[in-house]
Amino acid sequence: MGDVEDPLAELEQLRRAMETRPVIDQAHGVLMAAYRCTPDGAWNVLVDVSQRTNVKLHKVAAALVATTQGDPLPDPLSTALRTALDATESDEAGQGT
């Protein structure tokens, strides 16, 4: 392990990761099931939507998971999701998958 500048900050980052990881994993699965994404493709979609909308990844994931319970996906996320899915489909088609 390398030198740790601030062990308390690192501990806080690890705690946050442990709290947010389950919903991110759920959203990952939703994308794979609902849109037939590959695991890498689903991850790329989540990251792309987060970056396009400037919304934290775990919040994008939570909104996507909430759609499985009937909640609508907010318009900016919905638009970014369609764009990201289109890009992923093009990438995967180009790779022969």
PDB file of N, CA and C in Angstrom:
ATOM      1  N   MET A   1       0.834  -1.190   0.000  1.00  0.00           N
ATOM      2  CA  MET A   1       0.000   0.000   0.000  1.00  0.00           C
ATOM      3  C   MET A   1       0.871   1.243   0.000  1.00  0.00           C
ATOM      4  N   GLY A   2       0.361   2.299  -0.587  1.00  0.00           N
ATOM      5  CA  GLY A   2       1.092   3.556  -0.624  1.00  0.00           C
ATOM      6  C   GLY A   2       0.823   4.379   0.610  1.00  0.00           C
ATOM      7  N   ASP A   3       1.481   5.511   0.662  1.00  0.00           N
ATOM      8  CA  ASP A   3       1.255   6.435   1.768  1.00  0.00           C
ATOM      9  C   ASP A   3      -0.162   6.972   1.696  1.00  0.00           C
ATOM     10  N   VAL A   4      -0.792   7.091   2.825  1.00  0.00           N
ATOM     11  CA  VAL A   4      -2.144   7.619   2.904  1.00  0.00           C
ATOM     12  C   VAL A   4      -2.062   9.039   3.432  1.00  0.00           C
ATOM     13  N   GLU A   5      -2.509   9.986   2.623  1.00  0.00           N
ATOM     14  CA  GLU A   5      -2.480  11.390   3.008  1.00  0.00           C
ATOM     15  C   GLU A   5      -3.405  11.649   4.197  1.00  0.00           C
ATOM     16  N   ASP A   6      -4.642  11.171   4.081  1.00  0.00           N
ATOM     17  CA  ASP A   6      -5.641  11.427   5.108  1.00  0.00           C
ATOM     18  C   ASP A   6      -6.447  10.145   5.329  1.00  0.00           C
ATOM     19  N   PRO A   7      -6.070   9.378   6.350  1.00  0.00           N
ATOM     20  CA  PRO A   7      -6.771   8.104   6.563  1.00  0.00           C
ATOM     21  C   PRO A   7      -8.263   8.282   6.838  1.00  0.00           C
ATOM     22  N   LEU A   8      -8.656   9.372   7.471  1.00  0.00           N
ATOM     23  CA  LEU A   8     -10.082   9.593   7.738  1.00  0.00           C
ATOM     24  C   LEU A   8     -10.852   9.861   6.452  1.00  0.00           C
ATOM     25  N   ALA A   9     -10.244  10.585   5.530  1.00  0.00           N
ATOM     26  CA  ALA A   9     -10.898  10.835   4.246  1.00  0.00           C
ATOM     27  C   ALA A   9     -11.035   9.537   3.467  1.00  0.00           C
ATOM     28  N   GLU A  10      -9.995   8.722   3.495  1.00  0.00           N
ATOM     29  CA  GLU A  10     -10.054   7.440   2.799  1.00  0.00           C
ATOM     30  C   GLU A  10     -11.126   6.540   3.412  1.00  0.00           C
ATOM     31  N   LEU A  11     -11.214   6.532   4.719  1.00  0.00           N
ATOM     32  CA  LEU A  11     -12.236   5.740   5.402  1.00  0.00           C
ATOM     33  C   LEU A  11     -13.634   6.211   5.013  1.00  0.00           C
ATOM     34  N   GLU A  12     -13.833   7.505   4.926  1.00  0.00           N
ATOM     35  CA  GLU A  12     -15.128   8.060   4.538  1.00  0.00           C
ATOM     36  C   GLU A  12     -15.471   7.665   3.093  1.00  0.00           C
ATOM     37  N   GLN A  13     -14.488   7.686   2.205  1.00  0.00           N
ATOM     38  CA  GLN A  13     -14.718   7.287   0.820  1.00  0.00           C
ATOM     39  C   GLN A  13     -15.099   5.807   0.739  1.00  0.00           C
ATOM     40  N   LEU A  14     -14.447   4.982   1.518  1.00  0.00           N
ATOM     41  CA  LEU A  14     -14.778   3.558   1.529  1.00  0.00           C
ATOM     42  C   LEU A  14     -16.173   3.313   2.100  1.00  0.00           C
ATOM     43  N   ARG A  15     -16.531   4.049   3.133  1.00  0.00           N
ATOM     44  CA  ARG A  15     -17.863   3.917   3.723  1.00  0.00           C
ATOM     45  C   ARG A  15     -18.934   4.301   2.710  1.00  0.00           C
ATOM     46  N   ARG A  16     -18.725   5.400   2.020  1.00  0.00           N
ATOM     47  CA  ARG A  16     -19.691   5.855   1.020  1.00  0.00           C
ATOM     48  C   ARG A  16     -19.805   4.826  -0.117  1.00  0.00           C
ATOM     49  N   ALA A  17     -18.685   4.280  -0.536  1.00  0.00           N
ATOM     50  CA  ALA A  17     -18.710   3.276  -1.601  1.00  0.00           C
ATOM     51  C   ALA A  17     -19.524   2.057  -1.171  1.00  0.00           C
ATOM     52  N   MET A  18     -19.363   1.642   0.069  1.00  0.00           N
ATOM     53  CA  MET A  18     -20.118   0.480   0.570  1.00  0.00           C
ATOM     54  C   MET A  18     -21.614   0.779   0.634  1.00  0.00           C
ATOM     55  N   GLU A  19     -21.972   2.017   0.908  1.00  0.00           N
ATOM     56  CA  GLU A  19     -23.388   2.388   0.987  1.00  0.00           C
ATOM     57  C   GLU A  19     -24.034   2.491  -0.391  1.00  0.00           C
ATOM     58  N   THR A  20     -23.285   2.972  -1.378  1.00  0.00           N
ATOM     59  CA  THR A  20     -23.876   3.231  -2.684  1.00  0.00           C
ATOM     60  C   THR A  20     -23.743   2.058  -3.655  1.00  0.00           C
ATOM     61  N   ARG A  21     -22.852   1.140  -3.379  1.00  0.00           N
ATOM     62  CA  ARG A  21     -22.591   0.044  -4.316  1.00  0.00           C
ATOM     63  C   ARG A  21     -23.815  -0.829  -4.595  1.00  0.00           C
ATOM     64  N   PRO A  22     -24.635  -1.176  -3.594  1.00  0.00           N
ATOM     65  CA  PRO A  22     -25.777  -2.049  -3.898  1.00  0.00           C
ATOM     66  C   PRO A  22     -26.738  -1.472  -4.941  1.00  0.00           C
ATOM     67  N   VAL A  23     -27.075  -0.200  -4.855  1.00  0.00           N
ATOM     68  CA  VAL A  23     -28.010   0.377  -5.828  1.00  0.00           C
ATOM     69  C   VAL A  23     -27.362   0.478  -7.204  1.00  0.00           C
ATOM     70  N   ILE A  24     -26.074   0.709  -7.242  1.00  0.00           N
ATOM     71  CA  ILE A  24     -25.369   0.737  -8.529  1.00  0.00           C
ATOM     72  C   ILE A  24     -25.390  -0.653  -9.161  1.00  0.00           C
ATOM     73  N   ASP A  25     -25.163  -1.677  -8.357  1.00  0.00           N
ATOM     74  CA  ASP A  25     -25.224  -3.052  -8.862  1.00  0.00           C
ATOM     75  C   ASP A  25     -26.631  -3.402  -9.361  1.00  0.00           C
ATOM     76  N   GLN A  26     -27.642  -2.938  -8.643  1.00  0.00           N
ATOM     77  CA  GLN A  26     -29.020  -3.193  -9.064  1.00  0.00           C
ATOM     78  C   GLN A  26     -29.307  -2.521 -10.407  1.00  0.00           C
ATOM     79  N   ALA A  27     -28.901  -1.278 -10.542  1.00  0.00           N
ATOM     80  CA  ALA A  27     -29.125  -0.556 -11.800  1.00  0.00           C
ATOM     81  C   ALA A  27     -28.369  -1.225 -12.949  1.00  0.00           C
ATOM     82  N   HIS A  28     -27.196  -1.696 -12.661  1.00  0.00           N
ATOM     83  CA  HIS A  28     -26.394  -2.427 -13.637  1.00  0.00           C
ATOM     84  C   HIS A  28     -27.191  -3.631 -14.154  1.00  0.00           C
ATOM     85  N   GLY A  29     -27.788  -4.368 -13.236  1.00  0.00           N
ATOM     86  CA  GLY A  29     -28.610  -5.516 -13.610  1.00  0.00           C
ATOM     87  C   GLY A  29     -29.860  -5.129 -14.373  1.00  0.00           C
ATOM     88  N   VAL A  30     -30.485  -4.037 -13.984  1.00  0.00           N
ATOM     89  CA  VAL A  30     -31.676  -3.556 -14.693  1.00  0.00           C
ATOM     90  C   VAL A  30     -31.328  -3.263 -16.149  1.00  0.00           C
ATOM     91  N   LEU A  31     -30.224  -2.581 -16.363  1.00  0.00           N
ATOM     92  CA  LEU A  31     -29.821  -2.259 -17.735  1.00  0.00           C
ATOM     93  C   LEU A  31     -29.526  -3.522 -18.537  1.00  0.00           C
ATOM     94  N   MET A  32     -28.858  -4.481 -17.912  1.00  0.00           N
ATOM     95  CA  MET A  32     -28.538  -5.719 -18.618  1.00  0.00           C
ATOM     96  C   MET A  32     -29.815  -6.479 -18.985  1.00  0.00           C
ATOM     97  N   ALA A  33     -30.782  -6.504 -18.070  1.00  0.00           N
ATOM     98  CA  ALA A  33     -32.011  -7.251 -18.317  1.00  0.00           C
ATOM     99  C   ALA A  33     -32.960  -6.512 -19.260  1.00  0.00           C
ATOM    100  N   ALA A  34     -33.177  -5.247 -18.998  1.00  0.00           N
ATOM    101  CA  ALA A  34     -34.187  -4.501 -19.754  1.00  0.00           C
ATOM    102  C   ALA A  34     -33.712  -4.102 -21.148  1.00  0.00           C
ATOM    103  N   TYR A  35     -32.423  -3.830 -21.271  1.00  0.00           N
ATOM    104  CA  TYR A  35     -31.912  -3.327 -22.549  1.00  0.00           C
ATOM    105  C   TYR A  35     -30.911  -4.272 -23.198  1.00  0.00           C
ATOM    106  N   ARG A  36     -30.761  -5.460 -22.613  1.00  0.00           N
ATOM    107  CA  ARG A  36     -29.862  -6.484 -23.155  1.00  0.00           C
ATOM    108  C   ARG A  36     -28.442  -5.972 -23.352  1.00  0.00           C
ATOM    109  N   CYS A  37     -27.985  -5.186 -22.381  1.00  0.00           N
ATOM    110  CA  CYS A  37     -26.613  -4.682 -22.412  1.00  0.00           C
ATOM    111  C   CYS A  37     -25.663  -5.763 -21.905  1.00  0.00           C
ATOM    112  N   THR A  38     -24.446  -5.720 -22.383  1.00  0.00           N
ATOM    113  CA  THR A  38     -23.392  -6.539 -21.792  1.00  0.00           C
ATOM    114  C   THR A  38     -23.036  -5.914 -20.444  1.00  0.00           C
ATOM    115  N   PRO A  39     -22.342  -6.640 -19.580  1.00  0.00           N
ATOM    116  CA  PRO A  39     -21.926  -6.030 -18.310  1.00  0.00           C
ATOM    117  C   PRO A  39     -21.117  -4.745 -18.505  1.00  0.00           C
ATOM    118  N   ASP A  40     -20.165  -4.768 -19.426  1.00  0.00           N
ATOM    119  CA  ASP A  40     -19.381  -3.550 -19.685  1.00  0.00           C
ATOM    120  C   ASP A  40     -20.245  -2.457 -20.280  1.00  0.00           C
ATOM    121  N   GLY A  41     -21.143  -2.829 -21.178  1.00  0.00           N
ATOM    122  CA  GLY A  41     -22.033  -1.847 -21.783  1.00  0.00           C
ATOM    123  C   GLY A  41     -22.930  -1.183 -20.757  1.00  0.00           C
ATOM    124  N   ALA A  42     -23.471  -1.973 -19.832  1.00  0.00           N
ATOM    125  CA  ALA A  42     -24.341  -1.418 -18.791  1.00  0.00           C
ATOM    126  C   ALA A  42     -23.564  -0.448 -17.910  1.00  0.00           C
ATOM    127  N   TRP A  43     -22.340  -0.805 -17.561  1.00  0.00           N
ATOM    128  CA  TRP A  43     -21.517   0.091 -16.748  1.00  0.00           C
ATOM    129  C   TRP A  43     -21.259   1.396 -17.509  1.00  0.00           C
ATOM    130  N   ASN A  44     -20.925   1.272 -18.788  1.00  0.00           N
ATOM    131  CA  ASN A  44     -20.657   2.460 -19.588  1.00  0.00           C
ATOM    132  C   ASN A  44     -21.879   3.357 -19.701  1.00  0.00           C
ATOM    133  N   VAL A  45     -23.056   2.762 -19.801  1.00  0.00           N
ATOM    134  CA  VAL A  45     -24.296   3.545 -19.855  1.00  0.00           C
ATOM    135  C   VAL A  45     -24.479   4.318 -18.557  1.00  0.00           C
ATOM    136  N   LEU A  46     -24.316   3.658 -17.424  1.00  0.00           N
ATOM    137  CA  LEU A  46     -24.463   4.354 -16.141  1.00  0.00           C
ATOM    138  C   LEU A  46     -23.500   5.535 -16.029  1.00  0.00           C
ATOM    139  N   VAL A  47     -22.251   5.299 -16.370  1.00  0.00           N
ATOM    140  CA  VAL A  47     -21.243   6.362 -16.280  1.00  0.00           C
ATOM    141  C   VAL A  47     -21.578   7.485 -17.249  1.00  0.00           C
ATOM    142  N   ASP A  48     -21.978   7.137 -18.465  1.00  0.00           N
ATOM    143  CA  ASP A  48     -22.295   8.143 -19.473  1.00  0.00           C
ATOM    144  C   ASP A  48     -23.466   9.015 -19.028  1.00  0.00           C
ATOM    145  N   VAL A  49     -24.525   8.394 -18.523  1.00  0.00           N
ATOM    146  CA  VAL A  49     -25.685   9.162 -18.059  1.00  0.00           C
ATOM    147  C   VAL A  49     -25.274  10.089 -16.917  1.00  0.00           C
ATOM    148  N   SER A  50     -24.481   9.586 -15.999  1.00  0.00           N
ATOM    149  CA  SER A  50     -24.006  10.409 -14.883  1.00  0.00           C
ATOM    150  C   SER A  50     -23.222  11.616 -15.384  1.00  0.00           C
ATOM    151  N   GLN A  51     -22.333  11.380 -16.321  1.00  0.00           N
ATOM    152  CA  GLN A  51     -21.509  12.473 -16.837  1.00  0.00           C
ATOM    153  C   GLN A  51     -22.321  13.461 -17.671  1.00  0.00           C
ATOM    154  N   ARG A  52     -23.218  12.967 -18.497  1.00  0.00           N
ATOM    155  CA  ARG A  52     -24.026  13.857 -19.347  1.00  0.00           C
ATOM    156  C   ARG A  52     -24.949  14.758 -18.533  1.00  0.00           C
ATOM    157  N   THR A  53     -25.428  14.243 -17.406  1.00  0.00           N
ATOM    158  CA  THR A  53     -26.401  14.991 -16.612  1.00  0.00           C
ATOM    159  C   THR A  53     -25.788  15.681 -15.394  1.00  0.00           C
ATOM    160  N   ASN A  54     -24.516  15.396 -15.136  1.00  0.00           N
ATOM    161  CA  ASN A  54     -23.838  15.921 -13.952  1.00  0.00           C
ATOM    162  C   ASN A  54     -24.577  15.522 -12.672  1.00  0.00           C
ATOM    163  N   VAL A  55     -25.015  14.261 -12.653  1.00  0.00           N
ATOM    164  CA  VAL A  55     -25.698  13.683 -11.496  1.00  0.00           C
ATOM    165  C   VAL A  55     -24.825  12.539 -11.001  1.00  0.00           C
ATOM    166  N   LYS A  56     -24.630  12.467  -9.698  1.00  0.00           N
ATOM    167  CA  LYS A  56     -23.804  11.408  -9.114  1.00  0.00           C
ATOM    168  C   LYS A  56     -24.290  10.038  -9.588  1.00  0.00           C
ATOM    169  N   LEU A  57     -23.339   9.154  -9.805  1.00  0.00           N
ATOM    170  CA  LEU A  57     -23.646   7.822 -10.318  1.00  0.00           C
ATOM    171  C   LEU A  57     -24.667   7.101  -9.450  1.00  0.00           C
ATOM    172  N   HIS A  58     -24.524   7.165  -8.144  1.00  0.00           N
ATOM    173  CA  HIS A  58     -25.466   6.451  -7.271  1.00  0.00           C
ATOM    174  C   HIS A  58     -26.868   7.042  -7.344  1.00  0.00           C
ATOM    175  N   LYS A  59     -26.986   8.320  -7.656  1.00  0.00           N
ATOM    176  CA  LYS A  59     -28.317   8.929  -7.799  1.00  0.00           C
ATOM    177  C   LYS A  59     -28.955   8.526  -9.126  1.00  0.00           C
ATOM    178  N   VAL A  60     -28.155   8.442 -10.183  1.00  0.00           N
ATOM    179  CA  VAL A  60     -28.649   7.930 -11.459  1.00  0.00           C
ATOM    180  C   VAL A  60     -29.136   6.500 -11.255  1.00  0.00           C
ATOM    181  N   ALA A  61     -28.328   5.700 -10.576  1.00  0.00           N
ATOM    182  CA  ALA A  61     -28.679   4.301 -10.328  1.00  0.00           C
ATOM    183  C   ALA A  61     -29.975   4.192  -9.532  1.00  0.00           C
ATOM    184  N   ALA A  62     -30.114   4.996  -8.496  1.00  0.00           N
ATOM    185  CA  ALA A  62     -31.328   4.940  -7.670  1.00  0.00           C
ATOM    186  C   ALA A  62     -32.563   5.307  -8.487  1.00  0.00           C
ATOM    187  N   ALA A  63     -32.445   6.306  -9.349  1.00  0.00           N
ATOM    188  CA  ALA A  63     -33.580   6.710 -10.184  1.00  0.00           C
ATOM    189  C   ALA A  63     -33.943   5.596 -11.162  1.00  0.00           C
ATOM    190  N   LEU A  64     -32.940   4.948 -11.715  1.00  0.00           N
ATOM    191  CA  LEU A  64     -33.192   3.852 -12.657  1.00  0.00           C
ATOM    192  C   LEU A  64     -33.853   2.669 -11.947  1.00  0.00           C
ATOM    193  N   VAL A  65     -33.363   2.315 -10.775  1.00  0.00           N
ATOM    194  CA  VAL A  65     -33.951   1.215 -10.010  1.00  0.00           C
ATOM    195  C   VAL A  65     -35.389   1.550  -9.618  1.00  0.00           C
ATOM    196  N   ALA A  66     -35.661   2.808  -9.300  1.00  0.00           N
ATOM    197  CA  ALA A  66     -37.017   3.223  -8.912  1.00  0.00           C
ATOM    198  C   ALA A  66     -38.011   3.025 -10.050  1.00  0.00           C
ATOM    199  N   THR A  67     -37.532   3.029 -11.296  1.00  0.00           N
ATOM    200  CA  THR A  67     -38.453   2.800 -12.415  1.00  0.00           C
ATOM    201  C   THR A  67     -39.032   1.396 -12.394  1.00  0.00           C
ATOM    202  N   THR A  68     -38.353   0.466 -11.742  1.00  0.00           N
ATOM    203  CA  THR A  68     -38.879  -0.899 -11.654  1.00  0.00           C
ATOM    204  C   THR A  68     -40.078  -0.970 -10.716  1.00  0.00           C
ATOM    205  N   GLN A  69     -40.286   0.094  -9.939  1.00  0.00           N
ATOM    206  CA  GLN A  69     -41.428   0.164  -9.030  1.00  0.00           C
ATOM    207  C   GLN A  69     -42.472   1.155  -9.531  1.00  0.00           C
ATOM    208  N   GLY A  70     -42.334   1.575 -10.783  1.00  0.00           N
ATOM    209  CA  GLY A  70     -43.334   2.445 -11.389  1.00  0.00           C
ATOM    210  C   GLY A  70     -43.013   3.924 -11.362  1.00  0.00           C
ATOM    211  N   ASP A  71     -41.906   4.312 -10.754  1.00  0.00           N
ATOM    212  CA  ASP A  71     -41.538   5.725 -10.743  1.00  0.00           C
ATOM    213  C   ASP A  71     -41.006   6.119 -12.117  1.00  0.00           C
ATOM    214  N   PRO A  72     -41.374   7.303 -12.599  1.00  0.00           N
ATOM    215  CA  PRO A  72     -40.845   7.731 -13.893  1.00  0.00           C
ATOM    216  C   PRO A  72     -39.393   8.169 -13.765  1.00  0.00           C
ATOM    217  N   LEU A  73     -38.641   7.974 -14.824  1.00  0.00           N
ATOM    218  CA  LEU A  73     -37.269   8.461 -14.871  1.00  0.00           C
ATOM    219  C   LEU A  73     -37.337   9.938 -15.246  1.00  0.00           C
ATOM    220  N   PRO A  74     -36.717  10.819 -14.472  1.00  0.00           N
ATOM    221  CA  PRO A  74     -36.766  12.246 -14.811  1.00  0.00           C
ATOM    222  C   PRO A  74     -36.300  12.492 -16.247  1.00  0.00           C
ATOM    223  N   ASP A  75     -36.904  13.469 -16.908  1.00  0.00           N
ATOM    224  CA  ASP A  75     -36.628  13.737 -18.320  1.00  0.00           C
ATOM    225  C   ASP A  75     -35.145  13.869 -18.657  1.00  0.00           C
ATOM    226  N   PRO A  76     -34.356  14.634 -17.897  1.00  0.00           N
ATOM    227  CA  PRO A  76     -32.940  14.737 -18.280  1.00  0.00           C
ATOM    228  C   PRO A  76     -32.220  13.383 -18.234  1.00  0.00           C
ATOM    229  N   LEU A  77     -32.558  12.558 -17.257  1.00  0.00           N
ATOM    230  CA  LEU A  77     -31.954  11.229 -17.171  1.00  0.00           C
ATOM    231  C   LEU A  77     -32.458  10.334 -18.294  1.00  0.00           C
ATOM    232  N   SER A  78     -33.726  10.441 -18.618  1.00  0.00           N
ATOM    233  CA  SER A  78     -34.308   9.640 -19.688  1.00  0.00           C
ATOM    234  C   SER A  78     -33.651   9.960 -21.028  1.00  0.00           C
ATOM    235  N   THR A  79     -33.481  11.235 -21.309  1.00  0.00           N
ATOM    236  CA  THR A  79     -32.833  11.654 -22.551  1.00  0.00           C
ATOM    237  C   THR A  79     -31.394  11.159 -22.607  1.00  0.00           C
ATOM    238  N   ALA A  80     -30.668  11.332 -21.513  1.00  0.00           N
ATOM    239  CA  ALA A  80     -29.272  10.890 -21.459  1.00  0.00           C
ATOM    240  C   ALA A  80     -29.181   9.369 -21.553  1.00  0.00           C
ATOM    241  N   LEU A  81     -30.140   8.669 -20.958  1.00  0.00           N
ATOM    242  CA  LEU A  81     -30.148   7.208 -21.028  1.00  0.00           C
ATOM    243  C   LEU A  81     -30.314   6.739 -22.473  1.00  0.00           C
ATOM    244  N   ARG A  82     -31.256   7.327 -23.187  1.00  0.00           N
ATOM    245  CA  ARG A  82     -31.475   6.933 -24.587  1.00  0.00           C
ATOM    246  C   ARG A  82     -30.216   7.195 -25.410  1.00  0.00           C
ATOM    247  N   THR A  83     -29.579   8.341 -25.207  1.00  0.00           N
ATOM    248  CA  THR A  83     -28.352   8.679 -25.937  1.00  0.00           C
ATOM    249  C   THR A  83     -27.246   7.675 -25.613  1.00  0.00           C
ATOM    250  N   ALA A  84     -27.095   7.370 -24.328  1.00  0.00           N
ATOM    251  CA  ALA A  84     -26.046   6.430 -23.908  1.00  0.00           C
ATOM    252  C   ALA A  84     -26.320   5.026 -24.437  1.00  0.00           C
ATOM    253  N   LEU A  85     -27.579   4.600 -24.416  1.00  0.00           N
ATOM    254  CA  LEU A  85     -27.928   3.277 -24.937  1.00  0.00           C
ATOM    255  C   LEU A  85     -27.660   3.204 -26.442  1.00  0.00           C
ATOM    256  N   ASP A  86     -28.008   4.254 -27.161  1.00  0.00           N
ATOM    257  CA  ASP A  86     -27.746   4.281 -28.598  1.00  0.00           C
ATOM    258  C   ASP A  86     -26.254   4.173 -28.875  1.00  0.00           C
ATOM    259  N   ALA A  87     -25.445   4.896 -28.101  1.00  0.00           N
ATOM    260  CA  ALA A  87     -23.990   4.847 -28.286  1.00  0.00           C
ATOM    261  C   ALA A  87     -23.451   3.466 -27.952  1.00  0.00           C
ATOM    262  N   THR A  88     -23.973   2.853 -26.907  1.00  0.00           N
ATOM    263  CA  THR A  88     -23.517   1.521 -26.503  1.00  0.00           C
ATOM    264  C   THR A  88     -23.896   0.483 -27.548  1.00  0.00           C
ATOM    265  N   GLU A  89     -25.115   0.583 -28.079  1.00  0.00           N
ATOM    266  CA  GLU A  89     -25.549  -0.354 -29.123  1.00  0.00           C
ATOM    267  C   GLU A  89     -24.648  -0.234 -30.345  1.00  0.00           C
ATOM    268  N   SER A  90     -24.291   0.997 -30.699  1.00  0.00           N
ATOM    269  CA  SER A  90     -23.402   1.198 -31.850  1.00  0.00           C
ATOM    270  C   SER A  90     -22.024   0.611 -31.577  1.00  0.00           C
ATOM    271  N   ASP A  91     -21.512   0.823 -30.379  1.00  0.00           N
ATOM    272  CA  ASP A  91     -20.190   0.286 -30.008  1.00  0.00           C
ATOM    273  C   ASP A  91     -20.202  -1.235 -30.044  1.00  0.00           C
ATOM    274  N   GLU A  92     -21.240  -1.844 -29.464  1.00  0.00           N
ATOM    275  CA  GLU A  92     -21.314  -3.299 -29.408  1.00  0.00           C
ATOM    276  C   GLU A  92     -21.531  -3.896 -30.788  1.00  0.00           C
ATOM    277  N   ALA A  93     -22.294  -3.226 -31.646  1.00  0.00           N
ATOM    278  CA  ALA A  93     -22.511  -3.719 -33.005  1.00  0.00           C
ATOM    279  C   ALA A  93     -21.196  -3.675 -33.781  1.00  0.00           C
ATOM    280  N   GLY A  94     -20.406  -2.665 -33.534  1.00  0.00           N
ATOM    281  CA  GLY A  94     -19.129  -2.541 -34.214  1.00  0.00           C
ATOM    282  C   GLY A  94     -18.135  -3.588 -33.781  1.00  0.00           C
ATOM    283  N   GLN A  95     -18.339  -4.161 -32.572  1.00  0.00           N
ATOM    284  CA  GLN A  95     -17.429  -5.189 -32.060  1.00  0.00           C
ATOM    285  C   GLN A  95     -17.924  -6.589 -32.393  1.00  0.00           C
ATOM    286  N   GLY A  96     -19.079  -6.658 -33.052  1.00  0.00           N
ATOM    287  CA  GLY A  96     -19.591  -7.962 -33.460  1.00  0.00           C
ATOM    288  C   GLY A  96     -20.305  -8.718 -32.363  1.00  0.00           C
ATOM    289  N   THR A  97     -20.762  -8.013 -31.308  1.00  0.00           N
ATOM    290  CA  THR A  97     -21.499  -8.689 -30.237  1.00  0.00           C
ATOM    291  C   THR A  97     -22.972  -8.527 -30.405  1.00  0.00           C
TER     292      THR A  97
END
